Every structure is written in structure tokens, then in C-alpha cells.
Amino acid sequence: YVLGVSFQEIISSIDHWIAFILLSIIGFQMIRESKGE
């Protein structure tokens, strides 16, 4: 959050895309890792 607030003004026009992309990447990574030992 502290990092995000620091850069909020710079990228506020695309913040929804950033949220979507980050959460999707994390979600897909969790699903992919579920098969590992």
C-alpha cells in the first residue's frame, strides 16, 4: 500500500488494469503451484 500510494498519481488512469493483472497473475500462479510437491 505504501509503495502504491507513492506511485498512485502516475498510474491512476490504468490502476484497474494493474489490479486485474496482478491478481490474475497471483491467482494463476497459485493454481499452477497447487500441483507441486
Full PDB file with SEQRES, HELIX, SHEET, SSBOND, CRYST1, ORIGX, SCALE, CONECT and MASTER records, all heavy atoms in Angstrom:
SEQRES   1 A   37  TYR VAL LEU GLY VAL SER PHE GLN GLU ILE ILE SER SER          
SEQRES   2 A   37  ILE ASP HIS TRP ILE ALA PHE ILE LEU LEU SER ILE ILE          
SEQRES   3 A   37  GLY PHE GLN MET ILE ARG GLU SER LYS GLY GLU                  
HELIX    1 AA1 VAL A    2  ILE A   11  1                                  10    
HELIX    2 AA2 SER A   12  ILE A   14  5                                   3    
HELIX    3 AA3 ASP A   15  GLU A   33  1                                  19    
CRYST1    1.000    1.000    1.000  90.00  90.00  90.00 P 1           1          
ORIGX1      1.000000  0.000000  0.000000        0.00000                         
ORIGX2      0.000000  1.000000  0.000000        0.00000                         
ORIGX3      0.000000  0.000000  1.000000        0.00000                         
SCALE1      1.000000  0.000000  0.000000        0.00000                         
SCALE2      0.000000  1.000000  0.000000        0.00000                         
SCALE3      0.000000  0.000000  1.000000        0.00000                         
ATOM      1  N   TYR A   1       0.837  -1.204   0.000  1.00  0.00           N  
ATOM      2  CA  TYR A   1       0.000   0.000   0.000  1.00  0.00           C  
ATOM      3  C   TYR A   1       0.874   1.257   0.000  1.00  0.00           C  
ATOM      4  O   TYR A   1       0.633   2.196  -0.760  1.00  0.00           O  
ATOM      5  CB  TYR A   1      -0.904  -0.028   1.233  1.00  0.00           C  
ATOM      6  CG  TYR A   1      -1.838   1.149   1.340  1.00  0.00           C  
ATOM      7  CD1 TYR A   1      -3.049   1.152   0.675  1.00  0.00           C  
ATOM      8  CD2 TYR A   1      -1.513   2.252   2.126  1.00  0.00           C  
ATOM      9  CE1 TYR A   1      -3.917   2.225   0.777  1.00  0.00           C  
ATOM     10  CE2 TYR A   1      -2.363   3.322   2.239  1.00  0.00           C  
ATOM     11  CZ  TYR A   1      -3.570   3.306   1.564  1.00  0.00           C  
ATOM     12  OH  TYR A   1      -4.417   4.376   1.672  1.00  0.00           O  
ATOM     13  N   VAL A   2       1.895   1.257   0.846  1.00  0.00           N  
ATOM     14  CA  VAL A   2       2.806   2.409   0.911  1.00  0.00           C  
ATOM     15  C   VAL A   2       3.477   2.623  -0.447  1.00  0.00           C  
ATOM     16  O   VAL A   2       3.573   3.758  -0.932  1.00  0.00           O  
ATOM     17  CB  VAL A   2       3.861   2.211   2.028  1.00  0.00           C  
ATOM     18  CG1 VAL A   2       4.955   3.258   1.955  1.00  0.00           C  
ATOM     19  CG2 VAL A   2       3.180   2.245   3.402  1.00  0.00           C  
ATOM     20  N   LEU A   3       3.916   1.545  -1.083  1.00  0.00           N  
ATOM     21  CA  LEU A   3       4.502   1.652  -2.420  1.00  0.00           C  
ATOM     22  C   LEU A   3       3.482   2.169  -3.431  1.00  0.00           C  
ATOM     23  O   LEU A   3       3.786   3.029  -4.255  1.00  0.00           O  
ATOM     24  CB  LEU A   3       5.039   0.297  -2.887  1.00  0.00           C  
ATOM     25  CG  LEU A   3       6.291  -0.215  -2.214  1.00  0.00           C  
ATOM     26  CD1 LEU A   3       6.562  -1.657  -2.629  1.00  0.00           C  
ATOM     27  CD2 LEU A   3       7.474   0.671  -2.554  1.00  0.00           C  
ATOM     28  N   GLY A   4       2.278   1.634  -3.378  1.00  0.00           N  
ATOM     29  CA  GLY A   4       1.231   2.029  -4.312  1.00  0.00           C  
ATOM     30  C   GLY A   4       0.843   3.484  -4.188  1.00  0.00           C  
ATOM     31  O   GLY A   4       0.637   4.174  -5.191  1.00  0.00           O  
ATOM     32  N   VAL A   5       0.738   3.979  -2.954  1.00  0.00           N  
ATOM     33  CA  VAL A   5       0.393   5.380  -2.729  1.00  0.00           C  
ATOM     34  C   VAL A   5       1.467   6.285  -3.314  1.00  0.00           C  
ATOM     35  O   VAL A   5       1.176   7.345  -3.877  1.00  0.00           O  
ATOM     36  CB  VAL A   5       0.184   5.657  -1.220  1.00  0.00           C  
ATOM     37  CG1 VAL A   5       0.140   7.137  -0.926  1.00  0.00           C  
ATOM     38  CG2 VAL A   5      -1.095   4.990  -0.736  1.00  0.00           C  
ATOM     39  N   SER A   6       2.707   5.841  -3.234  1.00  0.00           N  
ATOM     40  CA  SER A   6       3.809   6.637  -3.770  1.00  0.00           C  
ATOM     41  C   SER A   6       3.699   6.841  -5.282  1.00  0.00           C  
ATOM     42  O   SER A   6       4.125   7.860  -5.807  1.00  0.00           O  
ATOM     43  CB  SER A   6       5.150   5.958  -3.472  1.00  0.00           C  
ATOM     44  OG  SER A   6       5.308   5.788  -2.092  1.00  0.00           O  
ATOM     45  N   PHE A   7       3.121   5.869  -5.974  1.00  0.00           N  
ATOM     46  CA  PHE A   7       3.034   5.927  -7.434  1.00  0.00           C  
ATOM     47  C   PHE A   7       1.611   6.138  -7.948  1.00  0.00           C  
ATOM     48  O   PHE A   7       1.379   6.117  -9.149  1.00  0.00           O  
ATOM     49  CB  PHE A   7       3.591   4.636  -8.042  1.00  0.00           C  
ATOM     50  CG  PHE A   7       5.030   4.414  -7.714  1.00  0.00           C  
ATOM     51  CD1 PHE A   7       5.403   3.471  -6.766  1.00  0.00           C  
ATOM     52  CD2 PHE A   7       6.019   5.159  -8.330  1.00  0.00           C  
ATOM     53  CE1 PHE A   7       6.730   3.271  -6.451  1.00  0.00           C  
ATOM     54  CE2 PHE A   7       7.353   4.966  -8.025  1.00  0.00           C  
ATOM     55  CZ  PHE A   7       7.707   4.022  -7.078  1.00  0.00           C  
ATOM     56  N   GLN A   8       0.669   6.384  -7.051  1.00  0.00           N  
ATOM     57  CA  GLN A   8      -0.738   6.448  -7.422  1.00  0.00           C  
ATOM     58  C   GLN A   8      -1.031   7.521  -8.464  1.00  0.00           C  
ATOM     59  O   GLN A   8      -1.756   7.272  -9.417  1.00  0.00           O  
ATOM     60  CB  GLN A   8      -1.595   6.674  -6.175  1.00  0.00           C  
ATOM     61  CG  GLN A   8      -3.070   6.619  -6.451  1.00  0.00           C  
ATOM     62  CD  GLN A   8      -3.866   6.698  -5.169  1.00  0.00           C  
ATOM     63  OE1 GLN A   8      -3.327   6.991  -4.114  1.00  0.00           O  
ATOM     64  NE2 GLN A   8      -5.139   6.449  -5.270  1.00  0.00           N  
ATOM     65  N   GLU A   9      -0.496   8.703  -8.301  1.00  0.00           N  
ATOM     66  CA  GLU A   9      -0.783   9.792  -9.236  1.00  0.00           C  
ATOM     67  C   GLU A   9      -0.282   9.475 -10.635  1.00  0.00           C  
ATOM     68  O   GLU A   9      -0.900   9.850 -11.623  1.00  0.00           O  
ATOM     69  CB  GLU A   9      -0.155  11.092  -8.736  1.00  0.00           C  
ATOM     70  CG  GLU A   9      -0.842  11.661  -7.520  1.00  0.00           C  
ATOM     71  CD  GLU A   9      -0.214  12.968  -7.069  1.00  0.00           C  
ATOM     72  OE1 GLU A   9       0.420  13.652  -7.892  1.00  0.00           O  
ATOM     73  OE2 GLU A   9      -0.367  13.289  -5.881  1.00  0.00           O  
ATOM     74  N   ILE A  10       0.833   8.784 -10.728  1.00  0.00           N  
ATOM     75  CA  ILE A  10       1.443   8.485 -12.017  1.00  0.00           C  
ATOM     76  C   ILE A  10       0.595   7.506 -12.829  1.00  0.00           C  
ATOM     77  O   ILE A  10       0.453   7.657 -14.038  1.00  0.00           O  
ATOM     78  CB  ILE A  10       2.869   7.914 -11.816  1.00  0.00           C  
ATOM     79  CG1 ILE A  10       3.756   8.940 -11.101  1.00  0.00           C  
ATOM     80  CG2 ILE A  10       3.486   7.484 -13.130  1.00  0.00           C  
ATOM     81  CD1 ILE A  10       5.083   8.394 -10.634  1.00  0.00           C  
ATOM     82  N   ILE A  11       0.014   6.505 -12.170  1.00  0.00           N  
ATOM     83  CA  ILE A  11      -0.662   5.454 -12.916  1.00  0.00           C  
ATOM     84  C   ILE A  11      -2.150   5.291 -12.580  1.00  0.00           C  
ATOM     85  O   ILE A  11      -2.733   4.250 -12.847  1.00  0.00           O  
ATOM     86  CB  ILE A  11       0.071   4.110 -12.723  1.00  0.00           C  
ATOM     87  CG1 ILE A  11       0.267   3.786 -11.258  1.00  0.00           C  
ATOM     88  CG2 ILE A  11       1.363   4.083 -13.456  1.00  0.00           C  
ATOM     89  CD1 ILE A  11       0.953   2.473 -11.006  1.00  0.00           C  
ATOM     90  N   SER A  12      -2.780   6.337 -12.071  1.00  0.00           N  
ATOM     91  CA  SER A  12      -4.182   6.226 -11.664  1.00  0.00           C  
ATOM     92  C   SER A  12      -5.124   5.927 -12.831  1.00  0.00           C  
ATOM     93  O   SER A  12      -6.182   5.335 -12.639  1.00  0.00           O  
ATOM     94  CB  SER A  12      -4.634   7.486 -10.923  1.00  0.00           C  
ATOM     95  OG  SER A  12      -4.562   8.598 -11.777  1.00  0.00           O  
ATOM     96  N   SER A  13      -4.766   6.283 -14.051  1.00  0.00           N  
ATOM     97  CA  SER A  13      -5.649   6.034 -15.191  1.00  0.00           C  
ATOM     98  C   SER A  13      -5.689   4.560 -15.598  1.00  0.00           C  
ATOM     99  O   SER A  13      -6.603   4.132 -16.301  1.00  0.00           O  
ATOM    100  CB  SER A  13      -5.227   6.882 -16.390  1.00  0.00           C  
ATOM    101  OG  SER A  13      -3.933   6.513 -16.815  1.00  0.00           O  
ATOM    102  N   ILE A  14      -4.710   3.787 -15.153  1.00  0.00           N  
ATOM    103  CA  ILE A  14      -4.697   2.363 -15.504  1.00  0.00           C  
ATOM    104  C   ILE A  14      -4.698   1.457 -14.270  1.00  0.00           C  
ATOM    105  O   ILE A  14      -4.440   0.264 -14.372  1.00  0.00           O  
ATOM    106  CB  ILE A  14      -3.475   2.026 -16.399  1.00  0.00           C  
ATOM    107  CG1 ILE A  14      -2.166   2.398 -15.703  1.00  0.00           C  
ATOM    108  CG2 ILE A  14      -3.593   2.672 -17.757  1.00  0.00           C  
ATOM    109  CD1 ILE A  14      -0.927   1.844 -16.369  1.00  0.00           C  
ATOM    110  N   ASP A  15      -5.048   2.018 -13.114  1.00  0.00           N  
ATOM    111  CA  ASP A  15      -4.973   1.246 -11.880  1.00  0.00           C  
ATOM    112  C   ASP A  15      -5.856   0.010 -11.886  1.00  0.00           C  
ATOM    113  O   ASP A  15      -5.482  -1.027 -11.347  1.00  0.00           O  
ATOM    114  CB  ASP A  15      -5.282   2.125 -10.669  1.00  0.00           C  
ATOM    115  CG  ASP A  15      -6.653   2.769 -10.723  1.00  0.00           C  
ATOM    116  OD1 ASP A  15      -7.387   2.564 -11.708  1.00  0.00           O  
ATOM    117  OD2 ASP A  15      -6.992   3.484  -9.766  1.00  0.00           O  
ATOM    118  N   HIS A  16      -7.024   0.076 -12.523  1.00  0.00           N  
ATOM    119  CA  HIS A  16      -7.920  -1.077 -12.564  1.00  0.00           C  
ATOM    120  C   HIS A  16      -7.302  -2.227 -13.368  1.00  0.00           C  
ATOM    121  O   HIS A  16      -7.468  -3.388 -13.028  1.00  0.00           O  
ATOM    122  CB  HIS A  16      -9.284  -0.681 -13.138  1.00  0.00           C  
ATOM    123  CG  HIS A  16      -9.204   0.016 -14.444  1.00  0.00           C  
ATOM    124  ND1 HIS A  16      -8.779   1.327 -14.553  1.00  0.00           N  
ATOM    125  CD2 HIS A  16      -9.445  -0.417 -15.696  1.00  0.00           C  
ATOM    126  CE1 HIS A  16      -8.789   1.676 -15.835  1.00  0.00           C  
ATOM    127  NE2 HIS A  16      -9.186   0.633 -16.543  1.00  0.00           N  
ATOM    128  N   TRP A  17      -6.577  -1.887 -14.420  1.00  0.00           N  
ATOM    129  CA  TRP A  17      -5.884  -2.908 -15.206  1.00  0.00           C  
ATOM    130  C   TRP A  17      -4.750  -3.527 -14.394  1.00  0.00           C  
ATOM    131  O   TRP A  17      -4.522  -4.733 -14.446  1.00  0.00           O  
ATOM    132  CB  TRP A  17      -5.339  -2.321 -16.515  1.00  0.00           C  
ATOM    133  CG  TRP A  17      -6.423  -2.098 -17.521  1.00  0.00           C  
ATOM    134  CD1 TRP A  17      -7.012  -0.915 -17.846  1.00  0.00           C  
ATOM    135  CD2 TRP A  17      -7.066  -3.093 -18.313  1.00  0.00           C  
ATOM    136  NE1 TRP A  17      -7.972  -1.102 -18.797  1.00  0.00           N  
ATOM    137  CE2 TRP A  17      -8.029  -2.444 -19.111  1.00  0.00           C  
ATOM    138  CE3 TRP A  17      -6.917  -4.470 -18.439  1.00  0.00           C  
ATOM    139  CZ2 TRP A  17      -8.843  -3.126 -20.007  1.00  0.00           C  
ATOM    140  CZ3 TRP A  17      -7.726  -5.147 -19.334  1.00  0.00           C  
ATOM    141  CH2 TRP A  17      -8.674  -4.478 -20.103  1.00  0.00           C  
ATOM    142  N   ILE A  18      -4.040  -2.699 -13.638  1.00  0.00           N  
ATOM    143  CA  ILE A  18      -2.946  -3.203 -12.801  1.00  0.00           C  
ATOM    144  C   ILE A  18      -3.493  -4.167 -11.757  1.00  0.00           C  
ATOM    145  O   ILE A  18      -2.950  -5.255 -11.557  1.00  0.00           O  
ATOM    146  CB  ILE A  18      -2.173  -2.041 -12.138  1.00  0.00           C  
ATOM    147  CG1 ILE A  18      -1.428  -1.239 -13.210  1.00  0.00           C  
ATOM    148  CG2 ILE A  18      -1.208  -2.560 -11.072  1.00  0.00           C  
ATOM    149  CD1 ILE A  18      -0.819   0.053 -12.714  1.00  0.00           C  
ATOM    150  N   ALA A  19      -4.594  -3.786 -11.103  1.00  0.00           N  
ATOM    151  CA  ALA A  19      -5.210  -4.653 -10.099  1.00  0.00           C  
ATOM    152  C   ALA A  19      -5.628  -5.981 -10.728  1.00  0.00           C  
ATOM    153  O   ALA A  19      -5.352  -7.063 -10.184  1.00  0.00           O  
ATOM    154  CB  ALA A  19      -6.411  -3.966  -9.461  1.00  0.00           C  
ATOM    155  N   PHE A  20      -6.285  -5.912 -11.877  1.00  0.00           N  
ATOM    156  CA  PHE A  20      -6.734  -7.118 -12.569  1.00  0.00           C  
ATOM    157  C   PHE A  20      -5.552  -8.014 -12.951  1.00  0.00           C  
ATOM    158  O   PHE A  20      -5.557  -9.213 -12.695  1.00  0.00           O  
ATOM    159  CB  PHE A  20      -7.536  -6.735 -13.819  1.00  0.00           C  
ATOM    160  CG  PHE A  20      -7.822  -7.890 -14.740  1.00  0.00           C  
ATOM    161  CD1 PHE A  20      -8.682  -8.899 -14.358  1.00  0.00           C  
ATOM    162  CD2 PHE A  20      -7.215  -7.965 -15.982  1.00  0.00           C  
ATOM    163  CE1 PHE A  20      -8.945  -9.971 -15.197  1.00  0.00           C  
ATOM    164  CE2 PHE A  20      -7.471  -9.027 -16.831  1.00  0.00           C  
ATOM    165  CZ  PHE A  20      -8.342 -10.038 -16.439  1.00  0.00           C  
ATOM    166  N   ILE A  21      -4.524  -7.427 -13.533  1.00  0.00           N  
ATOM    167  CA  ILE A  21      -3.363  -8.205 -13.986  1.00  0.00           C  
ATOM    168  C   ILE A  21      -2.620  -8.823 -12.801  1.00  0.00           C  
ATOM    169  O   ILE A  21      -2.304 -10.019 -12.813  1.00  0.00           O  
ATOM    170  CB  ILE A  21      -2.430  -7.337 -14.856  1.00  0.00           C  
ATOM    171  CG1 ILE A  21      -3.114  -7.031 -16.201  1.00  0.00           C  
ATOM    172  CG2 ILE A  21      -1.089  -8.024 -15.077  1.00  0.00           C  
ATOM    173  CD1 ILE A  21      -2.434  -5.947 -17.022  1.00  0.00           C  
ATOM    174  N   LEU A  22      -2.363  -8.031 -11.753  1.00  0.00           N  
ATOM    175  CA  LEU A  22      -1.637  -8.566 -10.593  1.00  0.00           C  
ATOM    176  C   LEU A  22      -2.414  -9.700  -9.917  1.00  0.00           C  
ATOM    177  O   LEU A  22      -1.852 -10.759  -9.619  1.00  0.00           O  
ATOM    178  CB  LEU A  22      -1.358  -7.462  -9.577  1.00  0.00           C  
ATOM    179  CG  LEU A  22      -0.249  -6.474  -9.913  1.00  0.00           C  
ATOM    180  CD1 LEU A  22      -0.185  -5.370  -8.871  1.00  0.00           C  
ATOM    181  CD2 LEU A  22       1.088  -7.181 -10.020  1.00  0.00           C  
ATOM    182  N   LEU A  23      -3.701  -9.477  -9.677  1.00  0.00           N  
ATOM    183  CA  LEU A  23      -4.499 -10.508  -9.006  1.00  0.00           C  
ATOM    184  C   LEU A  23      -4.626 -11.757  -9.877  1.00  0.00           C  
ATOM    185  O   LEU A  23      -4.592 -12.879  -9.363  1.00  0.00           O  
ATOM    186  CB  LEU A  23      -5.873  -9.965  -8.629  1.00  0.00           C  
ATOM    187  CG  LEU A  23      -5.874  -8.914  -7.511  1.00  0.00           C  
ATOM    188  CD1 LEU A  23      -7.262  -8.334  -7.324  1.00  0.00           C  
ATOM    189  CD2 LEU A  23      -5.356  -9.498  -6.209  1.00  0.00           C  
ATOM    190  N   SER A  24      -4.747 -11.574 -11.183  1.00  0.00           N  
ATOM    191  CA  SER A  24      -4.839 -12.732 -12.080  1.00  0.00           C  
ATOM    192  C   SER A  24      -3.532 -13.515 -12.109  1.00  0.00           C  
ATOM    193  O   SER A  24      -3.536 -14.753 -12.062  1.00  0.00           O  
ATOM    194  CB  SER A  24      -5.206 -12.285 -13.498  1.00  0.00           C  
ATOM    195  OG  SER A  24      -6.498 -11.730 -13.502  1.00  0.00           O  
ATOM    196  N   ILE A  25      -2.416 -12.815 -12.197  1.00  0.00           N  
ATOM    197  CA  ILE A  25      -1.117 -13.499 -12.202  1.00  0.00           C  
ATOM    198  C   ILE A  25      -0.932 -14.287 -10.907  1.00  0.00           C  
ATOM    199  O   ILE A  25      -0.535 -15.460 -10.919  1.00  0.00           O  
ATOM    200  CB  ILE A  25       0.039 -12.491 -12.398  1.00  0.00           C  
ATOM    201  CG1 ILE A  25       0.027 -11.962 -13.839  1.00  0.00           C  
ATOM    202  CG2 ILE A  25       1.390 -13.119 -12.053  1.00  0.00           C  
ATOM    203  CD1 ILE A  25       0.972 -10.787 -14.071  1.00  0.00           C  
ATOM    204  N   ILE A  26      -1.232 -13.642  -9.787  1.00  0.00           N  
ATOM    205  CA  ILE A  26      -1.097 -14.319  -8.492  1.00  0.00           C  
ATOM    206  C   ILE A  26      -2.025 -15.529  -8.429  1.00  0.00           C  
ATOM    207  O   ILE A  26      -1.636 -16.619  -7.997  1.00  0.00           O  
ATOM    208  CB  ILE A  26      -1.398 -13.346  -7.334  1.00  0.00           C  
ATOM    209  CG1 ILE A  26      -0.343 -12.247  -7.282  1.00  0.00           C  
ATOM    210  CG2 ILE A  26      -1.461 -14.096  -6.002  1.00  0.00           C  
ATOM    211  CD1 ILE A  26      -0.753 -11.052  -6.445  1.00  0.00           C  
ATOM    212  N   GLY A  27      -3.265 -15.351  -8.869  1.00  0.00           N  
ATOM    213  CA  GLY A  27      -4.241 -16.448  -8.851  1.00  0.00           C  
ATOM    214  C   GLY A  27      -3.810 -17.619  -9.708  1.00  0.00           C  
ATOM    215  O   GLY A  27      -3.851 -18.784  -9.272  1.00  0.00           O  
ATOM    216  N   PHE A  28      -3.372 -17.339 -10.950  1.00  0.00           N  
ATOM    217  CA  PHE A  28      -2.924 -18.419 -11.834  1.00  0.00           C  
ATOM    218  C   PHE A  28      -1.673 -19.104 -11.281  1.00  0.00           C  
ATOM    219  O   PHE A  28      -1.516 -20.319 -11.413  1.00  0.00           O  
ATOM    220  CB  PHE A  28      -2.682 -17.899 -13.251  1.00  0.00           C  
ATOM    221  CG  PHE A  28      -3.960 -17.709 -14.030  1.00  0.00           C  
ATOM    222  CD1 PHE A  28      -4.319 -16.458 -14.482  1.00  0.00           C  
ATOM    223  CD2 PHE A  28      -4.795 -18.783 -14.301  1.00  0.00           C  
ATOM    224  CE1 PHE A  28      -5.495 -16.269 -15.186  1.00  0.00           C  
ATOM    225  CE2 PHE A  28      -5.971 -18.610 -15.010  1.00  0.00           C  
ATOM    226  CZ  PHE A  28      -6.329 -17.350 -15.457  1.00  0.00           C  
ATOM    227  N   GLN A  29      -0.794 -18.324 -10.649  1.00  0.00           N  
ATOM    228  CA  GLN A  29       0.405 -18.908 -10.065  1.00  0.00           C  
ATOM    229  C   GLN A  29       0.034 -19.845  -8.920  1.00  0.00           C  
ATOM    230  O   GLN A  29       0.602 -20.927  -8.787  1.00  0.00           O  
ATOM    231  CB  GLN A  29       1.339 -17.811  -9.563  1.00  0.00           C  
ATOM    232  CG  GLN A  29       2.632 -18.344  -9.002  1.00  0.00           C  
ATOM    233  CD  GLN A  29       3.578 -17.228  -8.608  1.00  0.00           C  
ATOM    234  OE1 GLN A  29       3.423 -16.082  -8.986  1.00  0.00           O  
ATOM    235  NE2 GLN A  29       4.580 -17.571  -7.828  1.00  0.00           N  
ATOM    236  N   MET A  30      -0.935 -19.452  -8.106  1.00  0.00           N  
ATOM    237  CA  MET A  30      -1.379 -20.322  -7.009  1.00  0.00           C  
ATOM    238  C   MET A  30      -1.962 -21.624  -7.560  1.00  0.00           C  
ATOM    239  O   MET A  30      -1.703 -22.702  -7.030  1.00  0.00           O  
ATOM    240  CB  MET A  30      -2.418 -19.607  -6.141  1.00  0.00           C  
ATOM    241  CG  MET A  30      -1.842 -18.561  -5.220  1.00  0.00           C  
ATOM    242  SD  MET A  30      -3.108 -17.684  -4.293  1.00  0.00           S  
ATOM    243  CE  MET A  30      -3.648 -18.959  -3.164  1.00  0.00           C  
ATOM    244  N   ILE A  31      -2.754 -21.516  -8.627  1.00  0.00           N  
ATOM    245  CA  ILE A  31      -3.346 -22.710  -9.228  1.00  0.00           C  
ATOM    246  C   ILE A  31      -2.250 -23.608  -9.792  1.00  0.00           C  
ATOM    247  O   ILE A  31      -2.258 -24.823  -9.591  1.00  0.00           O  
ATOM    248  CB  ILE A  31      -4.370 -22.312 -10.311  1.00  0.00           C  
ATOM    249  CG1 ILE A  31      -5.589 -21.641  -9.655  1.00  0.00           C  
ATOM    250  CG2 ILE A  31      -4.794 -23.530 -11.130  1.00  0.00           C  
ATOM    251  CD1 ILE A  31      -6.522 -20.963 -10.629  1.00  0.00           C  
ATOM    252  N   ARG A  32      -1.280 -23.012 -10.488  1.00  0.00           N  
ATOM    253  CA  ARG A  32      -0.172 -23.778 -11.070  1.00  0.00           C  
ATOM    254  C   ARG A  32       0.647 -24.468  -9.981  1.00  0.00           C  
ATOM    255  O   ARG A  32       1.020 -25.631 -10.103  1.00  0.00           O  
ATOM    256  CB  ARG A  32       0.723 -22.856 -11.891  1.00  0.00           C  
ATOM    257  CG  ARG A  32       1.835 -23.576 -12.637  1.00  0.00           C  
ATOM    258  CD  ARG A  32       2.653 -22.640 -13.500  1.00  0.00           C  
ATOM    259  NE  ARG A  32       3.145 -21.460 -12.814  1.00  0.00           N  
ATOM    260  CZ  ARG A  32       4.259 -21.417 -12.077  1.00  0.00           C  
ATOM    261  NH1 ARG A  32       4.985 -22.489 -11.933  1.00  0.00           N  
ATOM    262  NH2 ARG A  32       4.633 -20.306 -11.494  1.00  0.00           N  
ATOM    263  N   GLU A  33       0.909 -23.766  -8.889  1.00  0.00           N  
ATOM    264  CA  GLU A  33       1.714 -24.326  -7.805  1.00  0.00           C  
ATOM    265  C   GLU A  33       0.978 -25.400  -7.012  1.00  0.00           C  
ATOM    266  O   GLU A  33       1.601 -26.165  -6.279  1.00  0.00           O  
ATOM    267  CB  GLU A  33       2.174 -23.219  -6.859  1.00  0.00           C  
ATOM    268  CG  GLU A  33       3.225 -22.320  -7.466  1.00  0.00           C  
ATOM    269  CD  GLU A  33       3.573 -21.137  -6.575  1.00  0.00           C  
ATOM    270  OE1 GLU A  33       2.948 -20.971  -5.507  1.00  0.00           O  
ATOM    271  OE2 GLU A  33       4.474 -20.374  -6.958  1.00  0.00           O  
ATOM    272  N   SER A  34      -0.336 -25.473  -7.162  1.00  0.00           N  
ATOM    273  CA  SER A  34      -1.104 -26.466  -6.399  1.00  0.00           C  
ATOM    274  C   SER A  34      -0.740 -27.893  -6.792  1.00  0.00           C  
ATOM    275  O   SER A  34      -0.989 -28.824  -6.051  1.00  0.00           O  
ATOM    276  CB  SER A  34      -2.600 -26.243  -6.600  1.00  0.00           C  
ATOM    277  OG  SER A  34      -2.993 -26.602  -7.918  1.00  0.00           O  
ATOM    278  N   LYS A  35      -0.127 -28.060  -7.949  1.00  0.00           N  
ATOM    279  CA  LYS A  35       0.241 -29.390  -8.414  1.00  0.00           C  
ATOM    280  C   LYS A  35       1.625 -29.822  -7.943  1.00  0.00           C  
ATOM    281  O   LYS A  35       2.005 -30.969  -8.091  1.00  0.00           O  
ATOM    282  CB  LYS A  35       0.179 -29.429  -9.940  1.00  0.00           C  
ATOM    283  CG  LYS A  35      -1.233 -29.243 -10.470  1.00  0.00           C  
ATOM    284  CD  LYS A  35      -1.203 -28.875 -11.932  1.00  0.00           C  
ATOM    285  CE  LYS A  35      -2.539 -28.598 -12.541  1.00  0.00           C  
ATOM    286  NZ  LYS A  35      -3.541 -27.977 -11.768  1.00  0.00           N  
ATOM    287  N   GLY A  36       2.396 -28.909  -7.358  1.00  0.00           N  
ATOM    288  CA  GLY A  36       3.765 -29.203  -6.922  1.00  0.00           C  
ATOM    289  C   GLY A  36       3.808 -29.888  -5.580  1.00  0.00           C  
ATOM    290  O   GLY A  36       2.863 -29.856  -4.804  1.00  0.00           O  
ATOM    291  N   GLU A  37       4.927 -30.500  -5.324  1.00  0.00           N  
ATOM    292  CA  GLU A  37       5.166 -31.158  -4.039  1.00  0.00           C  
ATOM    293  C   GLU A  37       5.967 -30.228  -3.147  1.00  0.00           C  
ATOM    294  O   GLU A  37       6.894 -29.576  -3.598  1.00  0.00           O  
ATOM    295  CB  GLU A  37       5.959 -32.453  -4.243  1.00  0.00           C  
ATOM    296  CG  GLU A  37       5.181 -33.523  -4.972  1.00  0.00           C  
ATOM    297  CD  GLU A  37       4.024 -34.057  -4.172  1.00  0.00           C  
ATOM    298  OE1 GLU A  37       4.184 -34.259  -2.946  1.00  0.00           O  
ATOM    299  OE2 GLU A  37       2.951 -34.258  -4.754  1.00  0.00           O  
TER     300      GLU A  37                                                      
MASTER        0    0    0    3    0    0    0    6  299    1    0    3          
END                                                                             
